[in-house]
Amino acid sequence: MKSNDIIVFGGGCFWCTEAVFERFKGVDDVIPGYSGGNVINPSYREVCNGNTGHAEVVEVNYNSLEISLTELLKVFFTTHDPTTLNRQGADVGTQYRSVIFYKTEEQKLIIDKVIAELTAGEVFDNPIVTEVLPLENFYLAEDYHNNYYQTNKQQPYCRFVITPKIDKLEEVFYELLKK
């Protein structure tokens, strides 16, 4: 059985998404970057302008013997709003869209199954608009984005946007968190 795998999530600002996924057992690395666009090696400024087609994403490197893709997907769908098109809270634009980039057809089947279960269970008041696409490119974000929340917890964005997500995460997924 394969133990190391990669999935790429876009759930709004990558500072938030990175801060969420780095807390889980079985997650070895979370790398902020850009994916899904038409510009080779875009910069943060270019992506923020919304003209590259890229989303702010994180590459999640995980050990599937410790945490399953299904568990990671539950975290993803719990910690952002997958029903808003091209926005998360005050962050507006295609760069903040809800998107999952998969590497294998097996991953796609699992993603489709989880979305179907959430839809059938009427978990959300509105339809899920998360894009599910094959991973074609991933460009590393600039170094200063790495561990942004950990090194900038007192910044207003971190205090008012990311910290509440972390608090919710710790309540809902306590058993899956690194101790």
C-alpha atoms as a PDB file:
ATOM      1  CA  MET A   1       0.000   0.000   0.000  1.00  0.00           C
ATOM      2  CA  LYS A   2       1.264   3.432  -0.939  1.00  0.00           C
ATOM      3  CA  SER A   3       2.053   5.596   2.064  1.00  0.00           C
ATOM      4  CA  ASN A   4       3.252   8.983   0.749  1.00  0.00           C
ATOM      5  CA  ASP A   5       1.021  11.092  -1.425  1.00  0.00           C
ATOM      6  CA  ILE A   6       0.324  14.657  -2.527  1.00  0.00           C
ATOM      7  CA  ILE A   7      -2.935  16.580  -2.922  1.00  0.00           C
ATOM      8  CA  VAL A   8      -3.278  20.276  -3.748  1.00  0.00           C
ATOM      9  CA  PHE A   9      -6.000  22.369  -2.087  1.00  0.00           C
ATOM     10  CA  GLY A  10      -7.171  25.895  -2.784  1.00  0.00           C
ATOM     11  CA  GLY A  11      -9.525  27.201  -0.132  1.00  0.00           C
ATOM     12  CA  GLY A  12      -9.005  30.957  -0.220  1.00  0.00           C
ATOM     13  CA  CYS A  13      -5.848  32.571   1.065  1.00  0.00           C
ATOM     14  CA  PHE A  14      -3.006  30.046   1.220  1.00  0.00           C
ATOM     15  CA  TRP A  15      -1.886  31.434   4.561  1.00  0.00           C
ATOM     16  CA  CYS A  16      -5.114  30.067   6.058  1.00  0.00           C
ATOM     17  CA  THR A  17      -4.974  26.755   4.244  1.00  0.00           C
ATOM     18  CA  GLU A  18      -1.343  26.166   5.188  1.00  0.00           C
ATOM     19  CA  ALA A  19      -2.035  26.980   8.858  1.00  0.00           C
ATOM     20  CA  VAL A  20      -4.866  24.428   8.881  1.00  0.00           C
ATOM     21  CA  PHE A  21      -3.199  21.430   7.257  1.00  0.00           C
ATOM     22  CA  GLU A  22       0.210  21.664   8.922  1.00  0.00           C
ATOM     23  CA  ARG A  23      -1.418  20.694  12.238  1.00  0.00           C
ATOM     24  CA  PHE A  24      -2.422  17.149  11.283  1.00  0.00           C
ATOM     25  CA  LYS A  25      -0.771  13.846  12.115  1.00  0.00           C
ATOM     26  CA  GLY A  26       0.448  12.248   8.924  1.00  0.00           C
ATOM     27  CA  VAL A  27       0.954  15.556   7.122  1.00  0.00           C
ATOM     28  CA  ASP A  28       4.662  15.823   6.452  1.00  0.00           C
ATOM     29  CA  ASP A  29       4.765  19.155   4.645  1.00  0.00           C
ATOM     30  CA  VAL A  30       2.441  21.923   3.460  1.00  0.00           C
ATOM     31  CA  ILE A  31       3.836  24.139   0.737  1.00  0.00           C
ATOM     32  CA  PRO A  32       2.133  27.351  -0.428  1.00  0.00           C
ATOM     33  CA  GLY A  33       2.031  27.991  -4.144  1.00  0.00           C
ATOM     34  CA  TYR A  34      -0.006  28.693  -7.240  1.00  0.00           C
ATOM     35  CA  SER A  35      -1.810  26.330  -9.582  1.00  0.00           C
ATOM     36  CA  GLY A  36      -4.435  26.221 -12.276  1.00  0.00           C
ATOM     37  CA  GLY A  37      -3.377  29.214 -14.321  1.00  0.00           C
ATOM     38  CA  ASN A  38      -1.798  30.080 -17.626  1.00  0.00           C
ATOM     39  CA  VAL A  39       1.327  32.003 -16.555  1.00  0.00           C
ATOM     40  CA  ILE A  40       4.585  30.138 -16.003  1.00  0.00           C
ATOM     41  CA  ASN A  41       6.093  30.744 -12.549  1.00  0.00           C
ATOM     42  CA  PRO A  42       3.787  33.604 -11.517  1.00  0.00           C
ATOM     43  CA  SER A  43       4.575  36.004  -8.697  1.00  0.00           C
ATOM     44  CA  TYR A  44       2.336  36.751  -5.737  1.00  0.00           C
ATOM     45  CA  ARG A  45       1.631  40.214  -7.128  1.00  0.00           C
ATOM     46  CA  GLU A  46       0.578  38.750 -10.500  1.00  0.00           C
ATOM     47  CA  VAL A  47      -1.691  36.161  -8.872  1.00  0.00           C
ATOM     48  CA  CYS A  48      -3.242  38.777  -6.549  1.00  0.00           C
ATOM     49  CA  ASN A  49      -4.131  40.899  -9.577  1.00  0.00           C
ATOM     50  CA  GLY A  50      -6.345  38.001 -10.674  1.00  0.00           C
ATOM     51  CA  ASN A  51      -5.140  37.899 -14.272  1.00  0.00           C
ATOM     52  CA  THR A  52      -3.044  34.709 -14.286  1.00  0.00           C
ATOM     53  CA  GLY A  53      -5.845  32.187 -13.747  1.00  0.00           C
ATOM     54  CA  HIS A  54      -3.937  30.707 -10.812  1.00  0.00           C
ATOM     55  CA  ALA A  55      -5.424  29.977  -7.425  1.00  0.00           C
ATOM     56  CA  GLU A  56      -3.529  30.365  -4.176  1.00  0.00           C
ATOM     57  CA  VAL A  57      -3.052  26.744  -3.131  1.00  0.00           C
ATOM     58  CA  VAL A  58      -1.113  24.483  -0.820  1.00  0.00           C
ATOM     59  CA  GLU A  59       0.554  21.239  -1.743  1.00  0.00           C
ATOM     60  CA  VAL A  60      -0.138  18.803   1.099  1.00  0.00           C
ATOM     61  CA  ASN A  61       2.403  15.990   1.375  1.00  0.00           C
ATOM     62  CA  TYR A  62       0.906  13.291   3.561  1.00  0.00           C
ATOM     63  CA  ASN A  63       1.371   9.725   4.726  1.00  0.00           C
ATOM     64  CA  SER A  64      -1.808   7.867   3.824  1.00  0.00           C
ATOM     65  CA  LEU A  65      -1.032   5.235   6.463  1.00  0.00           C
ATOM     66  CA  GLU A  66      -1.513   7.950   9.116  1.00  0.00           C
ATOM     67  CA  ILE A  67      -4.217  10.165   7.572  1.00  0.00           C
ATOM     68  CA  SER A  68      -6.504   9.332   4.687  1.00  0.00           C
ATOM     69  CA  LEU A  69      -7.447  11.514   1.759  1.00  0.00           C
ATOM     70  CA  THR A  70     -11.064  11.273   2.966  1.00  0.00           C
ATOM     71  CA  GLU A  71     -10.034  12.753   6.336  1.00  0.00           C
ATOM     72  CA  LEU A  72      -8.093  15.538   4.615  1.00  0.00           C
ATOM     73  CA  LEU A  73     -11.116  16.288   2.430  1.00  0.00           C
ATOM     74  CA  LYS A  74     -13.362  16.529   5.491  1.00  0.00           C
ATOM     75  CA  VAL A  75     -10.932  19.061   6.944  1.00  0.00           C
ATOM     76  CA  PHE A  76     -10.862  20.977   3.658  1.00  0.00           C
ATOM     77  CA  PHE A  77     -14.652  21.198   3.407  1.00  0.00           C
ATOM     78  CA  THR A  78     -15.025  22.117   7.088  1.00  0.00           C
ATOM     79  CA  THR A  79     -12.470  24.919   7.203  1.00  0.00           C
ATOM     80  CA  HIS A  80     -13.611  27.023   4.236  1.00  0.00           C
ATOM     81  CA  ASP A  81     -16.851  27.738   2.383  1.00  0.00           C
ATOM     82  CA  PRO A  82     -16.971  25.535  -0.724  1.00  0.00           C
ATOM     83  CA  THR A  83     -20.248  27.119  -1.833  1.00  0.00           C
ATOM     84  CA  THR A  84     -18.989  30.611  -2.662  1.00  0.00           C
ATOM     85  CA  LEU A  85     -17.655  31.164  -6.160  1.00  0.00           C
ATOM     86  CA  ASN A  86     -14.303  32.911  -6.389  1.00  0.00           C
ATOM     87  CA  ARG A  87     -14.217  34.172  -2.830  1.00  0.00           C
ATOM     88  CA  GLN A  88     -13.599  33.331   0.802  1.00  0.00           C
ATOM     89  CA  GLY A  89     -14.909  35.965   3.169  1.00  0.00           C
ATOM     90  CA  ALA A  90     -13.425  39.323   2.234  1.00  0.00           C
ATOM     91  CA  ASP A  91     -10.929  37.711  -0.182  1.00  0.00           C
ATOM     92  CA  VAL A  92     -12.525  38.044  -3.628  1.00  0.00           C
ATOM     93  CA  GLY A  93     -11.254  36.841  -7.003  1.00  0.00           C
ATOM     94  CA  THR A  94     -10.548  33.653  -8.921  1.00  0.00           C
ATOM     95  CA  GLN A  95      -7.256  33.340  -7.027  1.00  0.00           C
ATOM     96  CA  TYR A  96      -9.334  32.563  -3.905  1.00  0.00           C
ATOM     97  CA  ARG A  97     -11.597  29.953  -5.492  1.00  0.00           C
ATOM     98  CA  SER A  98     -12.348  26.603  -3.915  1.00  0.00           C
ATOM     99  CA  VAL A  99     -10.401  24.006  -5.883  1.00  0.00           C
ATOM    100  CA  ILE A 100      -8.810  20.597  -5.503  1.00  0.00           C
ATOM    101  CA  PHE A 101      -6.045  19.464  -7.844  1.00  0.00           C
ATOM    102  CA  TYR A 102      -5.616  15.681  -7.862  1.00  0.00           C
ATOM    103  CA  LYS A 103      -2.682  13.593  -9.097  1.00  0.00           C
ATOM    104  CA  THR A 104      -4.372  10.232  -9.670  1.00  0.00           C
ATOM    105  CA  GLU A 105      -7.712   8.894 -10.822  1.00  0.00           C
ATOM    106  CA  GLU A 106      -8.012   7.130  -7.456  1.00  0.00           C
ATOM    107  CA  GLN A 107      -7.855  10.528  -5.736  1.00  0.00           C
ATOM    108  CA  LYS A 108     -10.502  11.900  -8.109  1.00  0.00           C
ATOM    109  CA  LEU A 109     -12.863   9.028  -7.275  1.00  0.00           C
ATOM    110  CA  ILE A 110     -12.459   9.692  -3.543  1.00  0.00           C
ATOM    111  CA  ILE A 111     -12.979  13.449  -4.023  1.00  0.00           C
ATOM    112  CA  ASP A 112     -16.110  12.871  -6.112  1.00  0.00           C
ATOM    113  CA  LYS A 113     -17.457  10.445  -3.503  1.00  0.00           C
ATOM    114  CA  VAL A 114     -16.939  12.906  -0.619  1.00  0.00           C
ATOM    115  CA  ILE A 115     -18.584  15.744  -2.568  1.00  0.00           C
ATOM    116  CA  ALA A 116     -21.529  13.478  -3.443  1.00  0.00           C
ATOM    117  CA  GLU A 117     -21.926  12.497   0.229  1.00  0.00           C
ATOM    118  CA  LEU A 118     -21.833  16.139   1.370  1.00  0.00           C
ATOM    119  CA  THR A 119     -24.369  17.065  -1.302  1.00  0.00           C
ATOM    120  CA  ALA A 120     -26.700  14.155  -0.499  1.00  0.00           C
ATOM    121  CA  GLY A 121     -26.427  14.940   3.210  1.00  0.00           C
ATOM    122  CA  GLU A 122     -27.322  18.586   2.547  1.00  0.00           C
ATOM    123  CA  VAL A 123     -24.399  19.658   4.700  1.00  0.00           C
ATOM    124  CA  PHE A 124     -24.371  23.083   3.055  1.00  0.00           C
ATOM    125  CA  ASP A 125     -27.292  25.390   2.318  1.00  0.00           C
ATOM    126  CA  ASN A 126     -25.979  26.090  -1.187  1.00  0.00           C
ATOM    127  CA  PRO A 127     -24.403  23.845  -3.841  1.00  0.00           C
ATOM    128  CA  ILE A 128     -20.696  23.029  -3.608  1.00  0.00           C
ATOM    129  CA  VAL A 129     -18.825  24.945  -6.330  1.00  0.00           C
ATOM    130  CA  THR A 130     -15.374  23.479  -5.646  1.00  0.00           C
ATOM    131  CA  GLU A 131     -13.509  22.776  -8.865  1.00  0.00           C
ATOM    132  CA  VAL A 132     -11.933  19.319  -9.133  1.00  0.00           C
ATOM    133  CA  LEU A 133      -9.110  19.307 -11.674  1.00  0.00           C
ATOM    134  CA  PRO A 134      -6.048  17.238 -12.550  1.00  0.00           C
ATOM    135  CA  LEU A 135      -2.811  18.759 -11.280  1.00  0.00           C
ATOM    136  CA  GLU A 136      -0.966  20.144 -14.278  1.00  0.00           C
ATOM    137  CA  ASN A 137       1.334  22.642 -12.602  1.00  0.00           C
ATOM    138  CA  PHE A 138       2.366  23.835  -9.191  1.00  0.00           C
ATOM    139  CA  TYR A 139       4.562  26.868  -8.697  1.00  0.00           C
ATOM    140  CA  LEU A 140       6.159  27.596  -5.333  1.00  0.00           C
ATOM    141  CA  ALA A 141       5.120  30.804  -3.644  1.00  0.00           C
ATOM    142  CA  GLU A 142       7.810  33.206  -2.511  1.00  0.00           C
ATOM    143  CA  ASP A 143       9.687  32.141   0.640  1.00  0.00           C
ATOM    144  CA  TYR A 144       8.043  34.732   2.901  1.00  0.00           C
ATOM    145  CA  HIS A 145       4.700  32.892   2.518  1.00  0.00           C
ATOM    146  CA  ASN A 146       6.069  29.733   4.166  1.00  0.00           C
ATOM    147  CA  ASN A 147       4.789  29.293   7.725  1.00  0.00           C
ATOM    148  CA  TYR A 148       3.173  32.706   7.451  1.00  0.00           C
ATOM    149  CA  TYR A 149       0.706  32.201  10.295  1.00  0.00           C
ATOM    150  CA  GLN A 150       3.337  30.758  12.639  1.00  0.00           C
ATOM    151  CA  THR A 151       5.596  33.774  12.142  1.00  0.00           C
ATOM    152  CA  ASN A 152       2.897  36.477  11.945  1.00  0.00           C
ATOM    153  CA  LYS A 153       0.243  35.488  14.494  1.00  0.00           C
ATOM    154  CA  GLN A 154      -0.144  39.055  15.750  1.00  0.00           C
ATOM    155  CA  GLN A 155      -0.936  40.503  12.314  1.00  0.00           C
ATOM    156  CA  PRO A 156      -4.618  41.569  12.108  1.00  0.00           C
ATOM    157  CA  TYR A 157      -5.394  39.165   9.222  1.00  0.00           C
ATOM    158  CA  CYS A 158      -3.964  36.268  11.204  1.00  0.00           C
ATOM    159  CA  ARG A 159      -5.761  37.208  14.428  1.00  0.00           C
ATOM    160  CA  PHE A 160      -9.169  37.837  12.871  1.00  0.00           C
ATOM    161  CA  VAL A 161      -9.261  35.318  10.017  1.00  0.00           C
ATOM    162  CA  ILE A 162      -6.842  32.460  10.633  1.00  0.00           C
ATOM    163  CA  THR A 163      -6.961  32.079  14.433  1.00  0.00           C
ATOM    164  CA  PRO A 164     -10.770  31.470  14.461  1.00  0.00           C
ATOM    165  CA  LYS A 165     -10.278  28.745  11.815  1.00  0.00           C
ATOM    166  CA  ILE A 166      -7.611  27.126  13.970  1.00  0.00           C
ATOM    167  CA  ASP A 167      -9.863  27.289  17.030  1.00  0.00           C
ATOM    168  CA  LYS A 168     -12.694  25.560  15.114  1.00  0.00           C
ATOM    169  CA  LEU A 169     -10.271  23.005  13.739  1.00  0.00           C
ATOM    170  CA  GLU A 170      -8.999  22.121  17.203  1.00  0.00           C
ATOM    171  CA  GLU A 171     -12.550  21.493  18.430  1.00  0.00           C
ATOM    172  CA  VAL A 172     -13.783  19.451  15.466  1.00  0.00           C
ATOM    173  CA  PHE A 173     -10.657  17.451  14.559  1.00  0.00           C
ATOM    174  CA  TYR A 174      -8.879  17.165  17.894  1.00  0.00           C
ATOM    175  CA  GLU A 175      -8.148  13.437  17.510  1.00  0.00           C
ATOM    176  CA  LEU A 176      -6.341  13.944  14.188  1.00  0.00           C
ATOM    177  CA  LEU A 177      -4.045  16.767  15.320  1.00  0.00           C
ATOM    178  CA  LYS A 178      -0.350  16.495  16.085  1.00  0.00           C
ATOM    179  CA  LYS A 179       0.155  16.558  19.841  1.00  0.00           C
END
